[in-house]
Amino acid sequence: MTAEKRASTAIAVLQDWARALNEKSLIEGAYLLGSLIYRDGSQFGEYSDVDLVLALTDEQAPTRRFSILQSVQTSKKQLELNLREEATQATHSAVL
């Protein structure tokens, strides 16, 4: 699998995850950085990490913000599993 295809697949998974968090009003926005988006993902390798920034609204009370962060953390664990599954499926379906 090419780096660009790997990046495109990861971005699709991340967009779905961020959209779900946004629909639940857990985040205001999500921003990708690093090799995933640099030069259209051409440097996003098999062992690259994902650099992600989540924006919360400033209007949240401290207890609500803590609750949101707990929900995001739980959701992040599932995101990591989904990303790993996508990467594994792509690797196993590659033509040799």
PDB file of N, CA and C in Angstrom:
ATOM      1  N   MET A   1       0.845  -1.172   0.000  1.00  0.00           N
ATOM      2  CA  MET A   1       0.000   0.000   0.000  1.00  0.00           C
ATOM      3  C   MET A   1       0.892   1.238   0.000  1.00  0.00           C
ATOM      4  N   THR A   2       0.521   2.212  -0.805  1.00  0.00           N
ATOM      5  CA  THR A   2       1.306   3.439  -0.857  1.00  0.00           C
ATOM      6  C   THR A   2       1.051   4.286   0.384  1.00  0.00           C
ATOM      7  N   ALA A   3       1.981   5.175   0.650  1.00  0.00           N
ATOM      8  CA  ALA A   3       1.827   6.079   1.792  1.00  0.00           C
ATOM      9  C   ALA A   3       0.597   6.959   1.615  1.00  0.00           C
ATOM     10  N   GLU A   4       0.351   7.404   0.394  1.00  0.00           N
ATOM     11  CA  GLU A   4      -0.809   8.260   0.140  1.00  0.00           C
ATOM     12  C   GLU A   4      -2.118   7.526   0.412  1.00  0.00           C
ATOM     13  N   LYS A   5      -2.197   6.258   0.003  1.00  0.00           N
ATOM     14  CA  LYS A   5      -3.406   5.454   0.246  1.00  0.00           C
ATOM     15  C   LYS A   5      -3.560   5.203   1.746  1.00  0.00           C
ATOM     16  N   ARG A   6      -2.459   4.911   2.426  1.00  0.00           N
ATOM     17  CA  ARG A   6      -2.486   4.686   3.872  1.00  0.00           C
ATOM     18  C   ARG A   6      -2.986   5.953   4.578  1.00  0.00           C
ATOM     19  N   ALA A   7      -2.492   7.114   4.158  1.00  0.00           N
ATOM     20  CA  ALA A   7      -2.909   8.388   4.748  1.00  0.00           C
ATOM     21  C   ALA A   7      -4.383   8.656   4.464  1.00  0.00           C
ATOM     22  N   SER A   8      -4.817   8.413   3.253  1.00  0.00           N
ATOM     23  CA  SER A   8      -6.210   8.637   2.873  1.00  0.00           C
ATOM     24  C   SER A   8      -7.158   7.771   3.704  1.00  0.00           C
ATOM     25  N   THR A   9      -6.790   6.531   3.910  1.00  0.00           N
ATOM     26  CA  THR A   9      -7.595   5.617   4.720  1.00  0.00           C
ATOM     27  C   THR A   9      -7.658   6.085   6.169  1.00  0.00           C
ATOM     28  N   ALA A  10      -6.521   6.478   6.721  1.00  0.00           N
ATOM     29  CA  ALA A  10      -6.487   6.969   8.102  1.00  0.00           C
ATOM     30  C   ALA A  10      -7.313   8.237   8.252  1.00  0.00           C
ATOM     31  N   ILE A  11      -7.212   9.134   7.285  1.00  0.00           N
ATOM     32  CA  ILE A  11      -7.977  10.379   7.353  1.00  0.00           C
ATOM     33  C   ILE A  11      -9.476  10.097   7.331  1.00  0.00           C
ATOM     34  N   ALA A  12      -9.913   9.153   6.520  1.00  0.00           N
ATOM     35  CA  ALA A  12     -11.339   8.803   6.467  1.00  0.00           C
ATOM     36  C   ALA A  12     -11.827   8.288   7.822  1.00  0.00           C
ATOM     37  N   VAL A  13     -11.040   7.432   8.457  1.00  0.00           N
ATOM     38  CA  VAL A  13     -11.402   6.907   9.782  1.00  0.00           C
ATOM     39  C   VAL A  13     -11.452   8.043  10.799  1.00  0.00           C
ATOM     40  N   LEU A  14     -10.463   8.930  10.752  1.00  0.00           N
ATOM     41  CA  LEU A  14     -10.410  10.060  11.683  1.00  0.00           C
ATOM     42  C   LEU A  14     -11.563  11.034  11.471  1.00  0.00           C
ATOM     43  N   GLN A  15     -11.951  11.256  10.218  1.00  0.00           N
ATOM     44  CA  GLN A  15     -13.079  12.150   9.939  1.00  0.00           C
ATOM     45  C   GLN A  15     -14.377  11.588  10.517  1.00  0.00           C
ATOM     46  N   ASP A  16     -14.591  10.302  10.346  1.00  0.00           N
ATOM     47  CA  ASP A  16     -15.797   9.677  10.913  1.00  0.00           C
ATOM     48  C   ASP A  16     -15.807   9.815  12.428  1.00  0.00           C
ATOM     49  N   TRP A  17     -14.662   9.581  13.053  1.00  0.00           N
ATOM     50  CA  TRP A  17     -14.548   9.673  14.511  1.00  0.00           C
ATOM     51  C   TRP A  17     -14.816  11.098  14.988  1.00  0.00           C
ATOM     52  N   ALA A  18     -14.182  12.073  14.339  1.00  0.00           N
ATOM     53  CA  ALA A  18     -14.357  13.473  14.731  1.00  0.00           C
ATOM     54  C   ALA A  18     -15.801  13.931  14.502  1.00  0.00           C
ATOM     55  N   ARG A  19     -16.399  13.501  13.419  1.00  0.00           N
ATOM     56  CA  ARG A  19     -17.788  13.859  13.126  1.00  0.00           C
ATOM     57  C   ARG A  19     -18.724  13.331  14.221  1.00  0.00           C
ATOM     58  N   ALA A  20     -18.484  12.112  14.658  1.00  0.00           N
ATOM     59  CA  ALA A  20     -19.315  11.528  15.723  1.00  0.00           C
ATOM     60  C   ALA A  20     -19.153  12.305  17.021  1.00  0.00           C
ATOM     61  N   LEU A  21     -17.928  12.697  17.357  1.00  0.00           N
ATOM     62  CA  LEU A  21     -17.707  13.491  18.570  1.00  0.00           C
ATOM     63  C   LEU A  21     -18.374  14.851  18.455  1.00  0.00           C
ATOM     64  N   ASN A  22     -18.313  15.448  17.278  1.00  0.00           N
ATOM     65  CA  ASN A  22     -18.925  16.751  17.065  1.00  0.00           C
ATOM     66  C   ASN A  22     -20.440  16.672  17.172  1.00  0.00           C
ATOM     67  N   GLU A  23     -21.027  15.617  16.629  1.00  0.00           N
ATOM     68  CA  GLU A  23     -22.482  15.446  16.704  1.00  0.00           C
ATOM     69  C   GLU A  23     -22.961  15.268  18.138  1.00  0.00           C
ATOM     70  N   LYS A  24     -22.098  14.738  18.996  1.00  0.00           N
ATOM     71  CA  LYS A  24     -22.428  14.574  20.416  1.00  0.00           C
ATOM     72  C   LYS A  24     -22.064  15.817  21.222  1.00  0.00           C
ATOM     73  N   SER A  25     -21.634  16.877  20.528  1.00  0.00           N
ATOM     74  CA  SER A  25     -21.206  18.141  21.157  1.00  0.00           C
ATOM     75  C   SER A  25     -20.042  17.937  22.123  1.00  0.00           C
ATOM     76  N   LEU A  26     -19.186  16.977  21.829  1.00  0.00           N
ATOM     77  CA  LEU A  26     -18.014  16.742  22.668  1.00  0.00           C
ATOM     78  C   LEU A  26     -16.823  17.590  22.230  1.00  0.00           C
ATOM     79  N   ILE A  27     -16.780  17.927  20.940  1.00  0.00           N
ATOM     80  CA  ILE A  27     -15.696  18.765  20.435  1.00  0.00           C
ATOM     81  C   ILE A  27     -16.268  19.827  19.506  1.00  0.00           C
ATOM     82  N   GLU A  28     -15.477  20.872  19.318  1.00  0.00           N
ATOM     83  CA  GLU A  28     -15.843  21.924  18.376  1.00  0.00           C
ATOM     84  C   GLU A  28     -15.141  21.715  17.035  1.00  0.00           C
ATOM     85  N   GLY A  29     -13.973  21.105  17.075  1.00  0.00           N
ATOM     86  CA  GLY A  29     -13.222  20.859  15.853  1.00  0.00           C
ATOM     87  C   GLY A  29     -12.079  19.896  16.088  1.00  0.00           C
ATOM     88  N   ALA A  30     -11.556  19.367  14.989  1.00  0.00           N
ATOM     89  CA  ALA A  30     -10.409  18.459  15.037  1.00  0.00           C
ATOM     90  C   ALA A  30      -9.449  18.866  13.929  1.00  0.00           C
ATOM     91  N   TYR A  31      -8.158  18.847  14.248  1.00  0.00           N
ATOM     92  CA  TYR A  31      -7.140  19.301  13.306  1.00  0.00           C
ATOM     93  C   TYR A  31      -6.016  18.279  13.222  1.00  0.00           C
ATOM     94  N   LEU A  32      -5.662  17.922  11.998  1.00  0.00           N
ATOM     95  CA  LEU A  32      -4.573  16.978  11.756  1.00  0.00           C
ATOM     96  C   LEU A  32      -3.295  17.738  11.442  1.00  0.00           C
ATOM     97  N   LEU A  33      -2.178  17.200  11.907  1.00  0.00           N
ATOM     98  CA  LEU A  33      -0.863  17.792  11.686  1.00  0.00           C
ATOM     99  C   LEU A  33       0.098  16.690  11.253  1.00  0.00           C
ATOM    100  N   GLY A  34       1.286  17.069  10.878  1.00  0.00           N
ATOM    101  CA  GLY A  34       2.357  16.107  10.663  1.00  0.00           C
ATOM    102  C   GLY A  34       2.301  15.350   9.350  1.00  0.00           C
ATOM    103  N   SER A  35       2.959  14.191   9.357  1.00  0.00           N
ATOM    104  CA  SER A  35       3.160  13.419   8.135  1.00  0.00           C
ATOM    105  C   SER A  35       1.858  12.932   7.506  1.00  0.00           C
ATOM    106  N   LEU A  36       0.814  12.857   8.269  1.00  0.00           N
ATOM    107  CA  LEU A  36      -0.471  12.403   7.726  1.00  0.00           C
ATOM    108  C   LEU A  36      -0.982  13.353   6.646  1.00  0.00           C
ATOM    109  N   ILE A  37      -0.730  14.630   6.806  1.00  0.00           N
ATOM    110  CA  ILE A  37      -1.231  15.597   5.825  1.00  0.00           C
ATOM    111  C   ILE A  37      -0.120  16.287   5.037  1.00  0.00           C
ATOM    112  N   TYR A  38       1.111  16.206   5.507  1.00  0.00           N
ATOM    113  CA  TYR A  38       2.221  16.863   4.822  1.00  0.00           C
ATOM    114  C   TYR A  38       2.455  16.209   3.463  1.00  0.00           C
ATOM    115  N   ARG A  39       2.520  17.026   2.420  1.00  0.00           N
ATOM    116  CA  ARG A  39       2.736  16.531   1.046  1.00  0.00           C
ATOM    117  C   ARG A  39       1.756  15.414   0.689  1.00  0.00           C
ATOM    118  N   ASP A  40       0.496  15.650   0.995  1.00  0.00           N
ATOM    119  CA  ASP A  40      -0.584  14.700   0.689  1.00  0.00           C
ATOM    120  C   ASP A  40      -0.365  13.318   1.288  1.00  0.00           C
ATOM    121  N   GLY A  41       0.317  13.269   2.424  1.00  0.00           N
ATOM    122  CA  GLY A  41       0.520  11.998   3.118  1.00  0.00           C
ATOM    123  C   GLY A  41       1.629  11.138   2.548  1.00  0.00           C
ATOM    124  N   SER A  42       2.434  11.699   1.649  1.00  0.00           N
ATOM    125  CA  SER A  42       3.469  10.887   0.995  1.00  0.00           C
ATOM    126  C   SER A  42       4.544  10.399   1.956  1.00  0.00           C
ATOM    127  N   GLN A  43       4.600  10.969   3.151  1.00  0.00           N
ATOM    128  CA  GLN A  43       5.589  10.531   4.136  1.00  0.00           C
ATOM    129  C   GLN A  43       4.951   9.773   5.299  1.00  0.00           C
ATOM    130  N   PHE A  44       3.674   9.439   5.166  1.00  0.00           N
ATOM    131  CA  PHE A  44       2.958   8.724   6.220  1.00  0.00           C
ATOM    132  C   PHE A  44       3.253   7.236   6.068  1.00  0.00           C
ATOM    133  N   GLY A  45       4.183   6.752   6.870  1.00  0.00           N
ATOM    134  CA  GLY A  45       4.632   5.370   6.751  1.00  0.00           C
ATOM    135  C   GLY A  45       3.862   4.406   7.625  1.00  0.00           C
ATOM    136  N   GLU A  46       4.227   3.165   7.503  1.00  0.00           N
ATOM    137  CA  GLU A  46       3.574   2.084   8.252  1.00  0.00           C
ATOM    138  C   GLU A  46       3.675   2.289   9.762  1.00  0.00           C
ATOM    139  N   TYR A  47       4.752   2.913  10.210  1.00  0.00           N
ATOM    140  CA  TYR A  47       4.964   3.111  11.645  1.00  0.00           C
ATOM    141  C   TYR A  47       4.773   4.562  12.082  1.00  0.00           C
ATOM    142  N   SER A  48       4.169   5.375  11.233  1.00  0.00           N
ATOM    143  CA  SER A  48       3.917   6.773  11.579  1.00  0.00           C
ATOM    144  C   SER A  48       2.828   6.881  12.628  1.00  0.00           C
ATOM    145  N   ASP A  49       2.908   7.957  13.391  1.00  0.00           N
ATOM    146  CA  ASP A  49       1.852   8.229  14.349  1.00  0.00           C
ATOM    147  C   ASP A  49       0.888   9.259  13.752  1.00  0.00           C
ATOM    148  N   VAL A  50      -0.198   9.516  14.466  1.00  0.00           N
ATOM    149  CA  VAL A  50      -1.196  10.500  14.044  1.00  0.00           C
ATOM    150  C   VAL A  50      -1.120  11.669  15.012  1.00  0.00           C
ATOM    151  N   ASP A  51      -0.876  12.850  14.459  1.00  0.00           N
ATOM    152  CA  ASP A  51      -0.843  14.073  15.264  1.00  0.00           C
ATOM    153  C   ASP A  51      -2.203  14.753  15.111  1.00  0.00           C
ATOM    154  N   LEU A  52      -2.919  14.836  16.215  1.00  0.00           N
ATOM    155  CA  LEU A  52      -4.302  15.296  16.196  1.00  0.00           C
ATOM    156  C   LEU A  52      -4.538  16.266  17.343  1.00  0.00           C
ATOM    157  N   VAL A  53      -5.200  17.383  17.038  1.00  0.00           N
ATOM    158  CA  VAL A  53      -5.569  18.372  18.046  1.00  0.00           C
ATOM    159  C   VAL A  53      -7.084  18.482  18.048  1.00  0.00           C
ATOM    160  N   LEU A  54      -7.677  18.376  19.233  1.00  0.00           N
ATOM    161  CA  LEU A  54      -9.128  18.546  19.378  1.00  0.00           C
ATOM    162  C   LEU A  54      -9.408  19.884  20.049  1.00  0.00           C
ATOM    163  N   ALA A  55     -10.387  20.596  19.548  1.00  0.00           N
ATOM    164  CA  ALA A  55     -10.772  21.886  20.132  1.00  0.00           C
ATOM    165  C   ALA A  55     -12.086  21.727  20.877  1.00  0.00           C
ATOM    166  N   LEU A  56     -12.075  22.143  22.136  1.00  0.00           N
ATOM    167  CA  LEU A  56     -13.287  22.162  22.948  1.00  0.00           C
ATOM    168  C   LEU A  56     -13.779  23.598  23.029  1.00  0.00           C
ATOM    169  N   THR A  57     -15.062  23.781  23.288  1.00  0.00           N
ATOM    170  CA  THR A  57     -15.564  25.137  23.455  1.00  0.00           C
ATOM    171  C   THR A  57     -15.085  25.701  24.782  1.00  0.00           C
ATOM    172  N   ASP A  58     -14.911  26.996  24.835  1.00  0.00           N
ATOM    173  CA  ASP A  58     -14.455  27.666  26.052  1.00  0.00           C
ATOM    174  C   ASP A  58     -15.562  27.798  27.087  1.00  0.00           C
ATOM    175  N   GLU A  59     -16.779  27.553  26.678  1.00  0.00           N
ATOM    176  CA  GLU A  59     -17.927  27.820  27.533  1.00  0.00           C
ATOM    177  C   GLU A  59     -18.236  26.710  28.535  1.00  0.00           C
ATOM    178  N   GLN A  60     -17.463  25.666  28.553  1.00  0.00           N
ATOM    179  CA  GLN A  60     -17.756  24.519  29.407  1.00  0.00           C
ATOM    180  C   GLN A  60     -17.307  24.759  30.848  1.00  0.00           C
ATOM    181  N   ALA A  61     -18.154  24.384  31.787  1.00  0.00           N
ATOM    182  CA  ALA A  61     -17.774  24.406  33.198  1.00  0.00           C
ATOM    183  C   ALA A  61     -16.700  23.332  33.410  1.00  0.00           C
ATOM    184  N   PRO A  62     -15.840  23.506  34.412  1.00  0.00           N
ATOM    185  CA  PRO A  62     -14.757  22.536  34.634  1.00  0.00           C
ATOM    186  C   PRO A  62     -15.240  21.087  34.759  1.00  0.00           C
ATOM    187  N   THR A  63     -16.343  20.857  35.449  1.00  0.00           N
ATOM    188  CA  THR A  63     -16.818  19.479  35.596  1.00  0.00           C
ATOM    189  C   THR A  63     -17.314  18.919  34.267  1.00  0.00           C
ATOM    190  N   ARG A  64     -17.938  19.752  33.448  1.00  0.00           N
ATOM    191  CA  ARG A  64     -18.403  19.306  32.124  1.00  0.00           C
ATOM    192  C   ARG A  64     -17.197  19.024  31.231  1.00  0.00           C
ATOM    193  N   ARG A  65     -16.193  19.883  31.295  1.00  0.00           N
ATOM    194  CA  ARG A  65     -14.984  19.684  30.489  1.00  0.00           C
ATOM    195  C   ARG A  65     -14.308  18.359  30.860  1.00  0.00           C
ATOM    196  N   PHE A  66     -14.245  18.055  32.153  1.00  0.00           N
ATOM    197  CA  PHE A  66     -13.656  16.794  32.607  1.00  0.00           C
ATOM    198  C   PHE A  66     -14.455  15.612  32.057  1.00  0.00           C
ATOM    199  N   SER A  67     -15.767  15.698  32.098  1.00  0.00           N
ATOM    200  CA  SER A  67     -16.633  14.645  31.573  1.00  0.00           C
ATOM    201  C   SER A  67     -16.419  14.462  30.068  1.00  0.00           C
ATOM    202  N   ILE A  68     -16.286  15.574  29.353  1.00  0.00           N
ATOM    203  CA  ILE A  68     -16.037  15.505  27.916  1.00  0.00           C
ATOM    204  C   ILE A  68     -14.706  14.811  27.646  1.00  0.00           C
ATOM    205  N   LEU A  69     -13.679  15.180  28.386  1.00  0.00           N
ATOM    206  CA  LEU A  69     -12.360  14.564  28.187  1.00  0.00           C
ATOM    207  C   LEU A  69     -12.382  13.068  28.474  1.00  0.00           C
ATOM    208  N   GLN A  70     -13.147  12.656  29.469  1.00  0.00           N
ATOM    209  CA  GLN A  70     -13.280  11.220  29.748  1.00  0.00           C
ATOM    210  C   GLN A  70     -13.960  10.508  28.579  1.00  0.00           C
ATOM    211  N   SER A  71     -15.004  11.112  28.035  1.00  0.00           N
ATOM    212  CA  SER A  71     -15.704  10.516  26.893  1.00  0.00           C
ATOM    213  C   SER A  71     -14.806  10.435  25.671  1.00  0.00           C
ATOM    214  N   VAL A  72     -14.035  11.489  25.436  1.00  0.00           N
ATOM    215  CA  VAL A  72     -13.117  11.496  24.301  1.00  0.00           C
ATOM    216  C   VAL A  72     -12.052  10.415  24.481  1.00  0.00           C
ATOM    217  N   GLN A  73     -11.541  10.265  25.687  1.00  0.00           N
ATOM    218  CA  GLN A  73     -10.525   9.236  25.951  1.00  0.00           C
ATOM    219  C   GLN A  73     -11.069   7.836  25.669  1.00  0.00           C
ATOM    220  N   THR A  74     -12.274   7.572  26.109  1.00  0.00           N
ATOM    221  CA  THR A  74     -12.899   6.274  25.842  1.00  0.00           C
ATOM    222  C   THR A  74     -13.072   6.067  24.343  1.00  0.00           C
ATOM    223  N   SER A  75     -13.534   7.089  23.669  1.00  0.00           N
ATOM    224  CA  SER A  75     -13.740   7.018  22.228  1.00  0.00           C
ATOM    225  C   SER A  75     -12.416   6.861  21.482  1.00  0.00           C
ATOM    226  N   LYS A  76     -11.362   7.474  21.995  1.00  0.00           N
ATOM    227  CA  LYS A  76     -10.031   7.390  21.375  1.00  0.00           C
ATOM    228  C   LYS A  76      -9.513   5.955  21.356  1.00  0.00           C
ATOM    229  N   LYS A  77      -9.812   5.208  22.373  1.00  0.00           N
ATOM    230  CA  LYS A  77      -9.377   3.802  22.404  1.00  0.00           C
ATOM    231  C   LYS A  77      -9.994   3.039  21.236  1.00  0.00           C
ATOM    232  N   GLN A  78     -11.277   3.290  20.966  1.00  0.00           N
ATOM    233  CA  GLN A  78     -11.933   2.630  19.838  1.00  0.00           C
ATOM    234  C   GLN A  78     -11.361   3.133  18.518  1.00  0.00           C
ATOM    235  N   LEU A  79     -11.052   4.415  18.453  1.00  0.00           N
ATOM    236  CA  LEU A  79     -10.427   4.973  17.254  1.00  0.00           C
ATOM    237  C   LEU A  79      -9.120   4.256  16.950  1.00  0.00           C
ATOM    238  N   GLU A  80      -8.296   4.056  17.958  1.00  0.00           N
ATOM    239  CA  GLU A  80      -7.013   3.383  17.756  1.00  0.00           C
ATOM    240  C   GLU A  80      -7.213   1.961  17.234  1.00  0.00           C
ATOM    241  N   LEU A  81      -8.207   1.262  17.755  1.00  0.00           N
ATOM    242  CA  LEU A  81      -8.505  -0.082  17.254  1.00  0.00           C
ATOM    243  C   LEU A  81      -8.966  -0.037  15.805  1.00  0.00           C
ATOM    244  N   ASN A  82      -9.806   0.948  15.469  1.00  0.00           N
ATOM    245  CA  ASN A  82     -10.288   1.082  14.090  1.00  0.00           C
ATOM    246  C   ASN A  82      -9.146   1.394  13.123  1.00  0.00           C
ATOM    247  N   LEU A  83      -8.244   2.274  13.541  1.00  0.00           N
ATOM    248  CA  LEU A  83      -7.096   2.592  12.690  1.00  0.00           C
ATOM    249  C   LEU A  83      -6.212   1.373  12.484  1.00  0.00           C
ATOM    250  N   ARG A  84      -5.981   0.628  13.544  1.00  0.00           N
ATOM    251  CA  ARG A  84      -5.161  -0.584  13.443  1.00  0.00           C
ATOM    252  C   ARG A  84      -5.836  -1.606  12.525  1.00  0.00           C
ATOM    253  N   GLU A  85      -7.145  -1.764  12.663  1.00  0.00           N
ATOM    254  CA  GLU A  85      -7.878  -2.715  11.821  1.00  0.00           C
ATOM    255  C   GLU A  85      -7.788  -2.325  10.349  1.00  0.00           C
ATOM    256  N   GLU A  86      -7.967  -1.039  10.058  1.00  0.00           N
ATOM    257  CA  GLU A  86      -7.861  -0.571   8.674  1.00  0.00           C
ATOM    258  C   GLU A  86      -6.465  -0.823   8.114  1.00  0.00           C
ATOM    259  N   ALA A  87      -5.445  -0.535   8.904  1.00  0.00           N
ATOM    260  CA  ALA A  87      -4.067  -0.742   8.466  1.00  0.00           C
ATOM    261  C   ALA A  87      -3.785  -2.214   8.221  1.00  0.00           C
ATOM    262  N   THR A  88      -4.304  -3.065   9.100  1.00  0.00           N
ATOM    263  CA  THR A  88      -4.099  -4.508   8.957  1.00  0.00           C
ATOM    264  C   THR A  88      -4.815  -5.047   7.729  1.00  0.00           C
ATOM    265  N   GLN A  89      -6.046  -4.619   7.524  1.00  0.00           N
ATOM    266  CA  GLN A  89      -6.801  -5.075   6.343  1.00  0.00           C
ATOM    267  C   GLN A  89      -6.108  -4.647   5.061  1.00  0.00           C
ATOM    268  N   ALA A  90      -5.615  -3.429   5.045  1.00  0.00           N
ATOM    269  CA  ALA A  90      -4.928  -2.922   3.860  1.00  0.00           C
ATOM    270  C   ALA A  90      -3.650  -3.708   3.589  1.00  0.00           C
ATOM    271  N   THR A  91      -2.932  -4.031   4.634  1.00  0.00           N
ATOM    272  CA  THR A  91      -1.686  -4.778   4.485  1.00  0.00           C
ATOM    273  C   THR A  91      -1.958  -6.192   3.998  1.00  0.00           C
ATOM    274  N   HIS A  92      -2.978  -6.835   4.544  1.00  0.00           N
ATOM    275  CA  HIS A  92      -3.292  -8.206   4.158  1.00  0.00           C
ATOM    276  C   HIS A  92      -3.910  -8.316   2.777  1.00  0.00           C
ATOM    277  N   SER A  93      -4.499  -7.240   2.312  1.00  0.00           N
ATOM    278  CA  SER A  93      -5.125  -7.313   0.997  1.00  0.00           C
ATOM    279  C   SER A  93      -4.201  -6.793  -0.115  1.00  0.00           C
ATOM    280  N   ALA A  94      -2.983  -6.422   0.246  1.00  0.00           N
ATOM    281  CA  ALA A  94      -2.042  -5.906  -0.743  1.00  0.00           C
ATOM    282  C   ALA A  94      -1.625  -7.017  -1.700  1.00  0.00           C
ATOM    283  N   VAL A  95      -1.440  -6.649  -2.947  1.00  0.00           N
ATOM    284  CA  VAL A  95      -0.975  -7.593  -3.941  1.00  0.00           C
ATOM    285  C   VAL A  95       0.521  -7.805  -3.756  1.00  0.00           C
ATOM    286  N   LEU A  96       0.928  -9.047  -3.731  1.00  0.00           N
ATOM    287  CA  LEU A  96       2.353  -9.366  -3.549  1.00  0.00           C
ATOM    288  C   LEU A  96       3.053  -9.531  -4.873  1.00  0.00           C
TER     289      LEU A  96
END
